[in-house]
């Protein structure tokens, strides 16, 4: 299955981390990446993008709500985290990928590719 060119919104990241994420997305994957000064909820209401790349929070309920909001709008989500999530924290992601910070370009692109495939499967069945 070929993956279309995605528009990735980088949200709620420190600026220099966001710049590095944007560079990797554009240079390695060839996708569009925009750094938005909005939180996920606002971005979902006002911006056009396919996948949100945002921080994994320590509050599982908030992560779960972020995943549900993105899914309800037909968007994907990839979480970024400085710690490897386990158990209930990982469960709160609803199966969406988590990439480690600092990141390897290839792992970031793989996580976004997984999210894109999941979106494609949803649109094919939905």
PDB file of N, CA and C in Angstrom:
ATOM      1  N   UNK A   1       0.848  -1.162   0.000  1.00  0.00           N
ATOM      2  CA  UNK A   1       0.000   0.000   0.000  1.00  0.00           C
ATOM      3  C   UNK A   1       0.897   1.229   0.000  1.00  0.00           C
ATOM      4  N   UNK A   2       0.643   2.157  -0.880  1.00  0.00           N
ATOM      5  CA  UNK A   2       1.438   3.373  -0.891  1.00  0.00           C
ATOM      6  C   UNK A   2       0.819   4.384   0.057  1.00  0.00           C
ATOM      7  N   UNK A   3       1.686   5.137   0.702  1.00  0.00           N
ATOM      8  CA  UNK A   3       1.234   6.139   1.652  1.00  0.00           C
ATOM      9  C   UNK A   3       1.223   7.494   0.973  1.00  0.00           C
ATOM     10  N   UNK A   4       0.116   8.205   1.038  1.00  0.00           N
ATOM     11  CA  UNK A   4       0.077   9.530   0.431  1.00  0.00           C
ATOM     12  C   UNK A   4       0.964  10.497   1.216  1.00  0.00           C
ATOM     13  N   UNK A   5       1.231  11.630   0.613  1.00  0.00           N
ATOM     14  CA  UNK A   5       1.980  12.658   1.324  1.00  0.00           C
ATOM     15  C   UNK A   5       1.104  13.179   2.447  1.00  0.00           C
ATOM     16  N   UNK A   6       1.663  13.173   3.633  1.00  0.00           N
ATOM     17  CA  UNK A   6       0.916  13.597   4.806  1.00  0.00           C
ATOM     18  C   UNK A   6       1.256  15.021   5.187  1.00  0.00           C
ATOM     19  N   UNK A   7       0.321  15.644   5.865  1.00  0.00           N
ATOM     20  CA  UNK A   7       0.567  16.928   6.519  1.00  0.00           C
ATOM     21  C   UNK A   7       0.559  16.648   8.014  1.00  0.00           C
ATOM     22  N   UNK A   8       1.715  16.846   8.630  1.00  0.00           N
ATOM     23  CA  UNK A   8       1.893  16.549  10.046  1.00  0.00           C
ATOM     24  C   UNK A   8       1.935  17.855  10.824  1.00  0.00           C
ATOM     25  N   UNK A   9       1.129  17.941  11.868  1.00  0.00           N
ATOM     26  CA  UNK A   9       1.136  19.110  12.757  1.00  0.00           C
ATOM     27  C   UNK A   9       1.968  18.769  13.986  1.00  0.00           C
ATOM     28  N   UNK A  10       3.002  19.547  14.220  1.00  0.00           N
ATOM     29  CA  UNK A  10       3.850  19.380  15.404  1.00  0.00           C
ATOM     30  C   UNK A  10       3.303  20.327  16.463  1.00  0.00           C
ATOM     31  N   UNK A  11       2.832  19.756  17.557  1.00  0.00           N
ATOM     32  CA  UNK A  11       2.117  20.530  18.576  1.00  0.00           C
ATOM     33  C   UNK A  11       2.755  20.363  19.963  1.00  0.00           C
ATOM     34  N   UNK A  12       2.665  21.417  20.738  1.00  0.00           N
ATOM     35  CA  UNK A  12       3.007  21.377  22.158  1.00  0.00           C
ATOM     36  C   UNK A  12       4.426  20.854  22.415  1.00  0.00           C
ATOM     37  N   UNK A  13       5.359  21.298  21.577  1.00  0.00           N
ATOM     38  CA  UNK A  13       6.763  20.905  21.719  1.00  0.00           C
ATOM     39  C   UNK A  13       7.610  22.162  21.932  1.00  0.00           C
ATOM     40  N   UNK A  14       8.739  21.987  22.627  1.00  0.00           N
ATOM     41  CA  UNK A  14       9.687  23.079  22.714  1.00  0.00           C
ATOM     42  C   UNK A  14      10.132  23.417  21.291  1.00  0.00           C
ATOM     43  N   UNK A  15      10.398  24.692  21.037  1.00  0.00           N
ATOM     44  CA  UNK A  15      10.611  25.159  19.680  1.00  0.00           C
ATOM     45  C   UNK A  15      11.754  24.440  18.962  1.00  0.00           C
ATOM     46  N   UNK A  16      12.898  24.286  19.607  1.00  0.00           N
ATOM     47  CA  UNK A  16      14.030  23.662  18.913  1.00  0.00           C
ATOM     48  C   UNK A  16      13.807  22.167  18.694  1.00  0.00           C
ATOM     49  N   UNK A  17      13.083  21.529  19.584  1.00  0.00           N
ATOM     50  CA  UNK A  17      12.705  20.130  19.355  1.00  0.00           C
ATOM     51  C   UNK A  17      11.736  20.054  18.179  1.00  0.00           C
ATOM     52  N   UNK A  18      10.785  20.979  18.150  1.00  0.00           N
ATOM     53  CA  UNK A  18       9.816  21.020  17.046  1.00  0.00           C
ATOM     54  C   UNK A  18      10.514  21.234  15.705  1.00  0.00           C
ATOM     55  N   UNK A  19      11.522  22.101  15.681  1.00  0.00           N
ATOM     56  CA  UNK A  19      12.275  22.327  14.440  1.00  0.00           C
ATOM     57  C   UNK A  19      12.976  21.050  13.979  1.00  0.00           C
ATOM     58  N   UNK A  20      13.566  20.316  14.909  1.00  0.00           N
ATOM     59  CA  UNK A  20      14.247  19.071  14.553  1.00  0.00           C
ATOM     60  C   UNK A  20      13.250  18.024  14.063  1.00  0.00           C
ATOM     61  N   UNK A  21      12.101  17.936  14.705  1.00  0.00           N
ATOM     62  CA  UNK A  21      11.053  17.019  14.257  1.00  0.00           C
ATOM     63  C   UNK A  21      10.588  17.396  12.850  1.00  0.00           C
ATOM     64  N   UNK A  22      10.372  18.671  12.627  1.00  0.00           N
ATOM     65  CA  UNK A  22       9.940  19.150  11.317  1.00  0.00           C
ATOM     66  C   UNK A  22      10.967  18.787  10.247  1.00  0.00           C
ATOM     67  N   UNK A  23      12.243  19.010  10.537  1.00  0.00           N
ATOM     68  CA  UNK A  23      13.314  18.684   9.595  1.00  0.00           C
ATOM     69  C   UNK A  23      13.285  17.209   9.232  1.00  0.00           C
ATOM     70  N   UNK A  24      13.168  16.349  10.243  1.00  0.00           N
ATOM     71  CA  UNK A  24      13.162  14.906   9.987  1.00  0.00           C
ATOM     72  C   UNK A  24      11.963  14.494   9.138  1.00  0.00           C
ATOM     73  N   UNK A  25      10.817  15.026   9.453  1.00  0.00           N
ATOM     74  CA  UNK A  25       9.600  14.670   8.708  1.00  0.00           C
ATOM     75  C   UNK A  25       9.736  15.086   7.243  1.00  0.00           C
ATOM     76  N   UNK A  26      10.247  16.273   7.025  1.00  0.00           N
ATOM     77  CA  UNK A  26      10.356  16.788   5.662  1.00  0.00           C
ATOM     78  C   UNK A  26      11.502  16.135   4.890  1.00  0.00           C
ATOM     79  N   UNK A  27      12.654  15.994   5.534  1.00  0.00           N
ATOM     80  CA  UNK A  27      13.836  15.474   4.835  1.00  0.00           C
ATOM     81  C   UNK A  27      13.802  13.969   4.628  1.00  0.00           C
ATOM     82  N   UNK A  28      13.375  13.228   5.628  1.00  0.00           N
ATOM     83  CA  UNK A  28      13.424  11.766   5.553  1.00  0.00           C
ATOM     84  C   UNK A  28      12.174  11.210   4.875  1.00  0.00           C
ATOM     85  N   UNK A  29      11.012  11.707   5.253  1.00  0.00           N
ATOM     86  CA  UNK A  29       9.767  11.165   4.702  1.00  0.00           C
ATOM     87  C   UNK A  29       9.272  11.921   3.485  1.00  0.00           C
ATOM     88  N   UNK A  30       9.670  13.177   3.357  1.00  0.00           N
ATOM     89  CA  UNK A  30       9.165  13.983   2.251  1.00  0.00           C
ATOM     90  C   UNK A  30       7.751  14.480   2.460  1.00  0.00           C
ATOM     91  N   UNK A  31       7.299  14.459   3.702  1.00  0.00           N
ATOM     92  CA  UNK A  31       5.956  14.932   4.024  1.00  0.00           C
ATOM     93  C   UNK A  31       6.001  16.383   4.461  1.00  0.00           C
ATOM     94  N   UNK A  32       4.871  17.007   4.479  1.00  0.00           N
ATOM     95  CA  UNK A  32       4.769  18.378   4.955  1.00  0.00           C
ATOM     96  C   UNK A  32       4.669  18.357   6.482  1.00  0.00           C
ATOM     97  N   UNK A  33       5.368  19.258   7.127  1.00  0.00           N
ATOM     98  CA  UNK A  33       5.312  19.363   8.590  1.00  0.00           C
ATOM     99  C   UNK A  33       5.185  20.824   8.963  1.00  0.00           C
ATOM    100  N   UNK A  34       4.215  21.125   9.802  1.00  0.00           N
ATOM    101  CA  UNK A  34       4.012  22.490  10.262  1.00  0.00           C
ATOM    102  C   UNK A  34       4.077  22.511  11.780  1.00  0.00           C
ATOM    103  N   UNK A  35       4.745  23.508  12.289  1.00  0.00           N
ATOM    104  CA  UNK A  35       4.804  23.715  13.733  1.00  0.00           C
ATOM    105  C   UNK A  35       3.689  24.683  14.084  1.00  0.00           C
ATOM    106  N   UNK A  36       2.799  24.245  14.949  1.00  0.00           N
ATOM    107  CA  UNK A  36       1.659  25.085  15.304  1.00  0.00           C
ATOM    108  C   UNK A  36       1.747  25.495  16.773  1.00  0.00           C
ATOM    109  N   UNK A  37       1.440  26.748  17.067  1.00  0.00           N
ATOM    110  CA  UNK A  37       1.487  27.210  18.450  1.00  0.00           C
ATOM    111  C   UNK A  37       0.208  26.871  19.215  1.00  0.00           C
ATOM    112  N   UNK A  38      -0.581  25.971  18.706  1.00  0.00           N
ATOM    113  CA  UNK A  38      -1.871  25.627  19.306  1.00  0.00           C
ATOM    114  C   UNK A  38      -1.769  24.327  20.088  1.00  0.00           C
ATOM    115  N   UNK A  39      -2.725  24.129  20.976  1.00  0.00           N
ATOM    116  CA  UNK A  39      -2.844  22.816  21.602  1.00  0.00           C
ATOM    117  C   UNK A  39      -3.655  21.926  20.660  1.00  0.00           C
ATOM    118  N   UNK A  40      -3.729  20.652  20.976  1.00  0.00           N
ATOM    119  CA  UNK A  40      -4.377  19.702  20.071  1.00  0.00           C
ATOM    120  C   UNK A  40      -5.828  20.064  19.814  1.00  0.00           C
ATOM    121  N   UNK A  41      -6.557  20.387  20.850  1.00  0.00           N
ATOM    122  CA  UNK A  41      -7.978  20.686  20.688  1.00  0.00           C
ATOM    123  C   UNK A  41      -8.186  21.866  19.738  1.00  0.00           C
ATOM    124  N   UNK A  42      -7.439  22.937  19.932  1.00  0.00           N
ATOM    125  CA  UNK A  42      -7.575  24.101  19.051  1.00  0.00           C
ATOM    126  C   UNK A  42      -7.143  23.774  17.628  1.00  0.00           C
ATOM    127  N   UNK A  43      -6.049  23.038  17.483  1.00  0.00           N
ATOM    128  CA  UNK A  43      -5.555  22.687  16.154  1.00  0.00           C
ATOM    129  C   UNK A  43      -6.571  21.829  15.402  1.00  0.00           C
ATOM    130  N   UNK A  44      -7.222  20.908  16.096  1.00  0.00           N
ATOM    131  CA  UNK A  44      -8.227  20.063  15.447  1.00  0.00           C
ATOM    132  C   UNK A  44      -9.394  20.890  14.922  1.00  0.00           C
ATOM    133  N   UNK A  45      -9.690  21.986  15.574  1.00  0.00           N
ATOM    134  CA  UNK A  45     -10.813  22.831  15.163  1.00  0.00           C
ATOM    135  C   UNK A  45     -10.449  23.818  14.062  1.00  0.00           C
ATOM    136  N   UNK A  46      -9.159  24.204  13.982  1.00  0.00           N
ATOM    137  CA  UNK A  46      -8.817  25.318  13.099  1.00  0.00           C
ATOM    138  C   UNK A  46      -7.807  25.002  12.001  1.00  0.00           C
ATOM    139  N   UNK A  47      -7.111  23.881  12.075  1.00  0.00           N
ATOM    140  CA  UNK A  47      -6.026  23.602  11.138  1.00  0.00           C
ATOM    141  C   UNK A  47      -6.314  22.345  10.320  1.00  0.00           C
ATOM    142  N   UNK A  48      -5.758  22.299   9.110  1.00  0.00           N
ATOM    143  CA  UNK A  48      -5.878  21.130   8.240  1.00  0.00           C
ATOM    144  C   UNK A  48      -4.586  20.324   8.338  1.00  0.00           C
ATOM    145  N   UNK A  49      -4.681  19.110   8.835  1.00  0.00           N
ATOM    146  CA  UNK A  49      -3.539  18.201   8.911  1.00  0.00           C
ATOM    147  C   UNK A  49      -4.065  16.780   9.007  1.00  0.00           C
ATOM    148  N   UNK A  50      -3.175  15.820   8.743  1.00  0.00           N
ATOM    149  CA  UNK A  50      -3.553  14.409   8.792  1.00  0.00           C
ATOM    150  C   UNK A  50      -3.210  13.761  10.127  1.00  0.00           C
ATOM    151  N   UNK A  51      -2.008  14.062  10.620  1.00  0.00           N
ATOM    152  CA  UNK A  51      -1.516  13.437  11.848  1.00  0.00           C
ATOM    153  C   UNK A  51      -0.952  14.517  12.756  1.00  0.00           C
ATOM    154  N   UNK A  52      -1.310  14.440  14.027  1.00  0.00           N
ATOM    155  CA  UNK A  52      -0.733  15.333  15.034  1.00  0.00           C
ATOM    156  C   UNK A  52       0.435  14.612  15.704  1.00  0.00           C
ATOM    157  N   UNK A  53       1.506  15.333  15.897  1.00  0.00           N
ATOM    158  CA  UNK A  53       2.652  14.837  16.659  1.00  0.00           C
ATOM    159  C   UNK A  53       2.718  15.696  17.906  1.00  0.00           C
ATOM    160  N   UNK A  54       2.433  15.088  19.055  1.00  0.00           N
ATOM    161  CA  UNK A  54       2.338  15.848  20.293  1.00  0.00           C
ATOM    162  C   UNK A  54       2.968  15.067  21.439  1.00  0.00           C
ATOM    163  N   UNK A  55       3.188  15.737  22.538  1.00  0.00           N
ATOM    164  CA  UNK A  55       3.807  15.100  23.704  1.00  0.00           C
ATOM    165  C   UNK A  55       2.854  14.127  24.389  1.00  0.00           C
ATOM    166  N   UNK A  56       3.415  13.034  24.844  1.00  0.00           N
ATOM    167  CA  UNK A  56       2.682  12.108  25.695  1.00  0.00           C
ATOM    168  C   UNK A  56       2.736  12.681  27.101  1.00  0.00           C
ATOM    169  N   UNK A  57       1.591  12.925  27.660  1.00  0.00           N
ATOM    170  CA  UNK A  57       1.538  13.487  29.001  1.00  0.00           C
ATOM    171  C   UNK A  57       1.569  12.407  30.062  1.00  0.00           C
ATOM    172  N   UNK A  58       1.809  12.812  31.281  1.00  0.00           N
ATOM    173  CA  UNK A  58       1.822  11.877  32.402  1.00  0.00           C
ATOM    174  C   UNK A  58       0.435  11.511  32.890  1.00  0.00           C
ATOM    175  N   UNK A  59      -0.579  12.203  32.371  1.00  0.00           N
ATOM    176  CA  UNK A  59      -1.955  11.955  32.770  1.00  0.00           C
ATOM    177  C   UNK A  59      -2.626  11.066  31.720  1.00  0.00           C
ATOM    178  N   UNK A  60      -2.857   9.795  32.048  1.00  0.00           N
ATOM    179  CA  UNK A  60      -3.467   8.884  31.064  1.00  0.00           C
ATOM    180  C   UNK A  60      -4.820   9.351  30.548  1.00  0.00           C
ATOM    181  N   UNK A  61      -5.607   9.993  31.381  1.00  0.00           N
ATOM    182  CA  UNK A  61      -6.919  10.462  30.925  1.00  0.00           C
ATOM    183  C   UNK A  61      -6.783  11.517  29.837  1.00  0.00           C
ATOM    184  N   UNK A  62      -5.797  12.392  29.994  1.00  0.00           N
ATOM    185  CA  UNK A  62      -5.579  13.415  28.979  1.00  0.00           C
ATOM    186  C   UNK A  62      -5.108  12.779  27.673  1.00  0.00           C
ATOM    187  N   UNK A  63      -4.203  11.809  27.747  1.00  0.00           N
ATOM    188  CA  UNK A  63      -3.744  11.119  26.536  1.00  0.00           C
ATOM    189  C   UNK A  63      -4.898  10.427  25.839  1.00  0.00           C
ATOM    190  N   UNK A  64      -5.727   9.768  26.616  1.00  0.00           N
ATOM    191  CA  UNK A  64      -6.888   9.075  26.072  1.00  0.00           C
ATOM    192  C   UNK A  64      -7.836  10.068  25.396  1.00  0.00           C
ATOM    193  N   UNK A  65      -8.054  11.199  26.030  1.00  0.00           N
ATOM    194  CA  UNK A  65      -8.917  12.226  25.450  1.00  0.00           C
ATOM    195  C   UNK A  65      -8.320  12.781  24.160  1.00  0.00           C
ATOM    196  N   UNK A  66      -7.002  12.989  24.135  1.00  0.00           N
ATOM    197  CA  UNK A  66      -6.357  13.462  22.902  1.00  0.00           C
ATOM    198  C   UNK A  66      -6.571  12.466  21.763  1.00  0.00           C
ATOM    199  N   UNK A  67      -6.371  11.184  22.048  1.00  0.00           N
ATOM    200  CA  UNK A  67      -6.555  10.161  21.015  1.00  0.00           C
ATOM    201  C   UNK A  67      -8.004  10.152  20.523  1.00  0.00           C
ATOM    202  N   UNK A  68      -8.930  10.230  21.439  1.00  0.00           N
ATOM    203  CA  UNK A  68     -10.350  10.218  21.045  1.00  0.00           C
ATOM    204  C   UNK A  68     -10.718  11.449  20.221  1.00  0.00           C
ATOM    205  N   UNK A  69     -10.199  12.626  20.611  1.00  0.00           N
ATOM    206  CA  UNK A  69     -10.491  13.847  19.847  1.00  0.00           C
ATOM    207  C   UNK A  69      -9.957  13.729  18.426  1.00  0.00           C
ATOM    208  N   UNK A  70      -8.721  13.241  18.285  1.00  0.00           N
ATOM    209  CA  UNK A  70      -8.127  13.096  16.951  1.00  0.00           C
ATOM    210  C   UNK A  70      -8.926  12.099  16.117  1.00  0.00           C
ATOM    211  N   UNK A  71      -9.267  10.965  16.704  1.00  0.00           N
ATOM    212  CA  UNK A  71     -10.031   9.947  15.985  1.00  0.00           C
ATOM    213  C   UNK A  71     -11.392  10.478  15.548  1.00  0.00           C
ATOM    214  N   UNK A  72     -12.042  11.244  16.418  1.00  0.00           N
ATOM    215  CA  UNK A  72     -13.367  11.784  16.096  1.00  0.00           C
ATOM    216  C   UNK A  72     -13.316  12.736  14.903  1.00  0.00           C
ATOM    217  N   UNK A  73     -12.180  13.377  14.690  1.00  0.00           N
ATOM    218  CA  UNK A  73     -12.009  14.298  13.566  1.00  0.00           C
ATOM    219  C   UNK A  73     -11.374  13.615  12.351  1.00  0.00           C
ATOM    220  N   UNK A  74     -11.170  12.292  12.436  1.00  0.00           N
ATOM    221  CA  UNK A  74     -10.584  11.566  11.320  1.00  0.00           C
ATOM    222  C   UNK A  74      -9.097  11.810  11.150  1.00  0.00           C
ATOM    223  N   UNK A  75      -8.445  12.145  12.230  1.00  0.00           N
ATOM    224  CA  UNK A  75      -7.014  12.434  12.207  1.00  0.00           C
ATOM    225  C   UNK A  75      -6.265  11.386  13.020  1.00  0.00           C
ATOM    226  N   UNK A  76      -4.988  11.261  12.741  1.00  0.00           N
ATOM    227  CA  UNK A  76      -4.137  10.371  13.508  1.00  0.00           C
ATOM    228  C   UNK A  76      -3.347  11.144  14.539  1.00  0.00           C
ATOM    229  N   UNK A  77      -2.695  10.402  15.423  1.00  0.00           N
ATOM    230  CA  UNK A  77      -1.877  11.031  16.444  1.00  0.00           C
ATOM    231  C   UNK A  77      -0.658  10.156  16.709  1.00  0.00           C
ATOM    232  N   UNK A  78       0.471  10.797  16.861  1.00  0.00           N
ATOM    233  CA  UNK A  78       1.698  10.132  17.287  1.00  0.00           C
ATOM    234  C   UNK A  78       2.173  10.892  18.514  1.00  0.00           C
ATOM    235  N   UNK A  79       2.478  10.148  19.542  1.00  0.00           N
ATOM    236  CA  UNK A  79       2.957  10.764  20.778  1.00  0.00           C
ATOM    237  C   UNK A  79       4.476  10.729  20.819  1.00  0.00           C
ATOM    238  N   UNK A  80       5.064  11.739  21.440  1.00  0.00           N
ATOM    239  CA  UNK A  80       6.507  11.790  21.670  1.00  0.00           C
ATOM    240  C   UNK A  80       6.723  11.866  23.178  1.00  0.00           C
ATOM    241  N   UNK A  81       7.716  11.125  23.661  1.00  0.00           N
ATOM    242  CA  UNK A  81       7.923  11.056  25.101  1.00  0.00           C
ATOM    243  C   UNK A  81       9.404  10.905  25.435  1.00  0.00           C
ATOM    244  N   UNK A  82       9.804  11.494  26.541  1.00  0.00           N
ATOM    245  CA  UNK A  82      11.181  11.342  27.022  1.00  0.00           C
ATOM    246  C   UNK A  82      11.336  10.099  27.884  1.00  0.00           C
ATOM    247  N   UNK A  83      10.225   9.460  28.213  1.00  0.00           N
ATOM    248  CA  UNK A  83      10.265   8.196  28.958  1.00  0.00           C
ATOM    249  C   UNK A  83       9.510   7.138  28.164  1.00  0.00           C
ATOM    250  N   UNK A  84       9.925   5.913  28.277  1.00  0.00           N
ATOM    251  CA  UNK A  84       9.237   4.826  27.586  1.00  0.00           C
ATOM    252  C   UNK A  84       7.979   4.474  28.371  1.00  0.00           C
ATOM    253  N   UNK A  85       6.806   4.675  27.774  1.00  0.00           N
ATOM    254  CA  UNK A  85       5.565   4.413  28.503  1.00  0.00           C
ATOM    255  C   UNK A  85       5.324   2.918  28.689  1.00  0.00           C
ATOM    256  N   UNK A  86       4.735   2.585  29.801  1.00  0.00           N
ATOM    257  CA  UNK A  86       4.375   1.201  30.100  1.00  0.00           C
ATOM    258  C   UNK A  86       2.966   1.162  30.655  1.00  0.00           C
ATOM    259  N   UNK A  87       2.376  -0.009  30.633  1.00  0.00           N
ATOM    260  CA  UNK A  87       1.102  -0.260  31.302  1.00  0.00           C
ATOM    261  C   UNK A  87       0.018   0.732  30.958  1.00  0.00           C
ATOM    262  N   UNK A  88      -0.568   1.318  32.020  1.00  0.00           N
ATOM    263  CA  UNK A  88      -1.718   2.194  31.850  1.00  0.00           C
ATOM    264  C   UNK A  88      -1.394   3.423  31.003  1.00  0.00           C
ATOM    265  N   UNK A  89      -0.152   3.908  31.069  1.00  0.00           N
ATOM    266  CA  UNK A  89       0.213   5.074  30.265  1.00  0.00           C
ATOM    267  C   UNK A  89       0.225   4.705  28.782  1.00  0.00           C
ATOM    268  N   UNK A  90       0.748   3.549  28.453  1.00  0.00           N
ATOM    269  CA  UNK A  90       0.749   3.089  27.066  1.00  0.00           C
ATOM    270  C   UNK A  90      -0.673   2.776  26.609  1.00  0.00           C
ATOM    271  N   UNK A  91      -1.474   2.186  27.485  1.00  0.00           N
ATOM    272  CA  UNK A  91      -2.865   1.891  27.139  1.00  0.00           C
ATOM    273  C   UNK A  91      -3.643   3.156  26.797  1.00  0.00           C
ATOM    274  N   UNK A  92      -3.278   4.277  27.430  1.00  0.00           N
ATOM    275  CA  UNK A  92      -4.014   5.520  27.202  1.00  0.00           C
ATOM    276  C   UNK A  92      -3.806   6.067  25.795  1.00  0.00           C
ATOM    277  N   UNK A  93      -2.870   5.512  25.054  1.00  0.00           N
ATOM    278  CA  UNK A  93      -2.597   5.976  23.681  1.00  0.00           C
ATOM    279  C   UNK A  93      -3.549   5.354  22.668  1.00  0.00           C
ATOM    280  N   UNK A  94      -4.357   4.403  23.080  1.00  0.00           N
ATOM    281  CA  UNK A  94      -5.336   3.730  22.215  1.00  0.00           C
ATOM    282  C   UNK A  94      -4.699   3.106  20.979  1.00  0.00           C
ATOM    283  N   UNK A  95      -3.461   2.630  21.127  1.00  0.00           N
ATOM    284  CA  UNK A  95      -2.803   1.949  20.019  1.00  0.00           C
ATOM    285  C   UNK A  95      -2.068   2.859  19.056  1.00  0.00           C
ATOM    286  N   UNK A  96      -2.106   4.163  19.274  1.00  0.00           N
ATOM    287  CA  UNK A  96      -1.356   5.084  18.422  1.00  0.00           C
ATOM    288  C   UNK A  96       0.110   5.019  18.811  1.00  0.00           C
ATOM    289  N   UNK A  97       1.027   5.221  17.871  1.00  0.00           N
ATOM    290  CA  UNK A  97       2.461   5.058  18.147  1.00  0.00           C
ATOM    291  C   UNK A  97       3.017   6.101  19.111  1.00  0.00           C
ATOM    292  N   UNK A  98       4.080   5.683  19.797  1.00  0.00           N
ATOM    293  CA  UNK A  98       4.841   6.570  20.681  1.00  0.00           C
ATOM    294  C   UNK A  98       6.284   6.527  20.202  1.00  0.00           C
ATOM    295  N   UNK A  99       6.883   7.687  20.025  1.00  0.00           N
ATOM    296  CA  UNK A  99       8.282   7.780  19.614  1.00  0.00           C
ATOM    297  C   UNK A  99       9.068   8.413  20.761  1.00  0.00           C
ATOM    298  N   UNK A 100      10.278   7.899  20.974  1.00  0.00           N
ATOM    299  CA  UNK A 100      11.124   8.417  22.047  1.00  0.00           C
ATOM    300  C   UNK A 100      11.728   9.758  21.670  1.00  0.00           C
ATOM    301  N   UNK A 101      11.877  10.607  22.667  1.00  0.00           N
ATOM    302  CA  UNK A 101      12.649  11.842  22.549  1.00  0.00           C
ATOM    303  C   UNK A 101      13.859  11.698  23.456  1.00  0.00           C
ATOM    304  N   UNK A 102      15.073  11.953  23.016  1.00  0.00           N
ATOM    305  CA  UNK A 102      15.420  12.305  21.646  1.00  0.00           C
ATOM    306  C   UNK A 102      15.114  11.139  20.712  1.00  0.00           C
ATOM    307  N   UNK A 103      14.918  11.459  19.443  1.00  0.00           N
ATOM    308  CA  UNK A 103      14.423  10.473  18.486  1.00  0.00           C
ATOM    309  C   UNK A 103      15.460  10.166  17.422  1.00  0.00           C
ATOM    310  N   UNK A 104      15.295   9.016  16.816  1.00  0.00           N
ATOM    311  CA  UNK A 104      16.011   8.666  15.597  1.00  0.00           C
ATOM    312  C   UNK A 104      15.082   8.976  14.436  1.00  0.00           C
ATOM    313  N   UNK A 105      15.605   9.597  13.392  1.00  0.00           N
ATOM    314  CA  UNK A 105      14.769   9.978  12.247  1.00  0.00           C
ATOM    315  C   UNK A 105      13.926   8.820  11.744  1.00  0.00           C
ATOM    316  N   UNK A 106      14.559   7.655  11.587  1.00  0.00           N
ATOM    317  CA  UNK A 106      13.859   6.499  11.020  1.00  0.00           C
ATOM    318  C   UNK A 106      12.719   6.034  11.923  1.00  0.00           C
ATOM    319  N   UNK A 107      12.902   6.099  13.228  1.00  0.00           N
ATOM    320  CA  UNK A 107      11.826   5.680  14.141  1.00  0.00           C
ATOM    321  C   UNK A 107      10.668   6.663  14.120  1.00  0.00           C
ATOM    322  N   UNK A 108      10.981   7.937  14.010  1.00  0.00           N
ATOM    323  CA  UNK A 108       9.927   8.942  13.909  1.00  0.00           C
ATOM    324  C   UNK A 108       9.113   8.714  12.640  1.00  0.00           C
ATOM    325  N   UNK A 109       9.786   8.545  11.533  1.00  0.00           N
ATOM    326  CA  UNK A 109       9.087   8.332  10.260  1.00  0.00           C
ATOM    327  C   UNK A 109       8.284   7.036  10.308  1.00  0.00           C
ATOM    328  N   UNK A 110       8.849   5.992  10.905  1.00  0.00           N
ATOM    329  CA  UNK A 110       8.108   4.729  11.027  1.00  0.00           C
ATOM    330  C   UNK A 110       6.827   4.940  11.838  1.00  0.00           C
ATOM    331  N   UNK A 111       6.912   5.658  12.950  1.00  0.00           N
ATOM    332  CA  UNK A 111       5.729   5.909  13.779  1.00  0.00           C
ATOM    333  C   UNK A 111       4.671   6.677  12.993  1.00  0.00           C
ATOM    334  N   UNK A 112       5.086   7.660  12.218  1.00  0.00           N
ATOM    335  CA  UNK A 112       4.139   8.416  11.398  1.00  0.00           C
ATOM    336  C   UNK A 112       3.547   7.544  10.293  1.00  0.00           C
ATOM    337  N   UNK A 113       4.367   6.664   9.730  1.00  0.00           N
ATOM    338  CA  UNK A 113       3.888   5.735   8.700  1.00  0.00           C
ATOM    339  C   UNK A 113       2.828   4.795   9.290  1.00  0.00           C
ATOM    340  N   UNK A 114       3.061   4.305  10.492  1.00  0.00           N
ATOM    341  CA  UNK A 114       2.093   3.430  11.173  1.00  0.00           C
ATOM    342  C   UNK A 114       0.775   4.181  11.381  1.00  0.00           C
ATOM    343  N   UNK A 115       0.866   5.426  11.816  1.00  0.00           N
ATOM    344  CA  UNK A 115      -0.343   6.232  12.005  1.00  0.00           C
ATOM    345  C   UNK A 115      -1.064   6.448  10.681  1.00  0.00           C
ATOM    346  N   UNK A 116      -0.303   6.703   9.611  1.00  0.00           N
ATOM    347  CA  UNK A 116      -0.909   6.905   8.293  1.00  0.00           C
ATOM    348  C   UNK A 116      -1.616   5.645   7.808  1.00  0.00           C
ATOM    349  N   UNK A 117      -0.990   4.486   8.026  1.00  0.00           N
ATOM    350  CA  UNK A 117      -1.634   3.222   7.633  1.00  0.00           C
ATOM    351  C   UNK A 117      -2.922   3.011   8.407  1.00  0.00           C
ATOM    352  N   UNK A 118      -2.898   3.334   9.683  1.00  0.00           N
ATOM    353  CA  UNK A 118      -4.101   3.175  10.503  1.00  0.00           C
ATOM    354  C   UNK A 118      -5.209   4.093   9.992  1.00  0.00           C
ATOM    355  N   UNK A 119      -4.872   5.317   9.642  1.00  0.00           N
ATOM    356  CA  UNK A 119      -5.867   6.228   9.070  1.00  0.00           C
ATOM    357  C   UNK A 119      -6.427   5.683   7.765  1.00  0.00           C
ATOM    358  N   UNK A 120      -5.546   5.140   6.937  1.00  0.00           N
ATOM    359  CA  UNK A 120      -5.973   4.582   5.649  1.00  0.00           C
ATOM    360  C   UNK A 120      -6.940   3.420   5.849  1.00  0.00           C
ATOM    361  N   UNK A 121      -6.613   2.529   6.789  1.00  0.00           N
ATOM    362  CA  UNK A 121      -7.498   1.387   7.061  1.00  0.00           C
ATOM    363  C   UNK A 121      -8.862   1.883   7.557  1.00  0.00           C
ATOM    364  N   UNK A 122      -8.854   2.894   8.396  1.00  0.00           N
ATOM    365  CA  UNK A 122     -10.121   3.446   8.915  1.00  0.00           C
ATOM    366  C   UNK A 122     -10.949   4.028   7.791  1.00  0.00           C
ATOM    367  N   UNK A 123     -10.302   4.747   6.866  1.00  0.00           N
ATOM    368  CA  UNK A 123     -11.059   5.355   5.769  1.00  0.00           C
ATOM    369  C   UNK A 123     -11.560   4.306   4.785  1.00  0.00           C
ATOM    370  N   UNK A 124     -10.801   3.206   4.628  1.00  0.00           N
ATOM    371  CA  UNK A 124     -11.219   2.125   3.727  1.00  0.00           C
ATOM    372  C   UNK A 124     -12.418   1.364   4.280  1.00  0.00           C
ATOM    373  N   UNK A 125     -12.519   1.286   5.614  1.00  0.00           N
ATOM    374  CA  UNK A 125     -13.606   0.529   6.230  1.00  0.00           C
ATOM    375  C   UNK A 125     -14.719   1.422   6.716  1.00  0.00           C
ATOM    376  N   UNK A 126     -14.444   2.718   6.801  1.00  0.00           N
ATOM    377  CA  UNK A 126     -15.345   3.618   7.460  1.00  0.00           C
ATOM    378  C   UNK A 126     -16.434   4.219   6.757  1.00  0.00           C
TER     379      UNK A 126
END
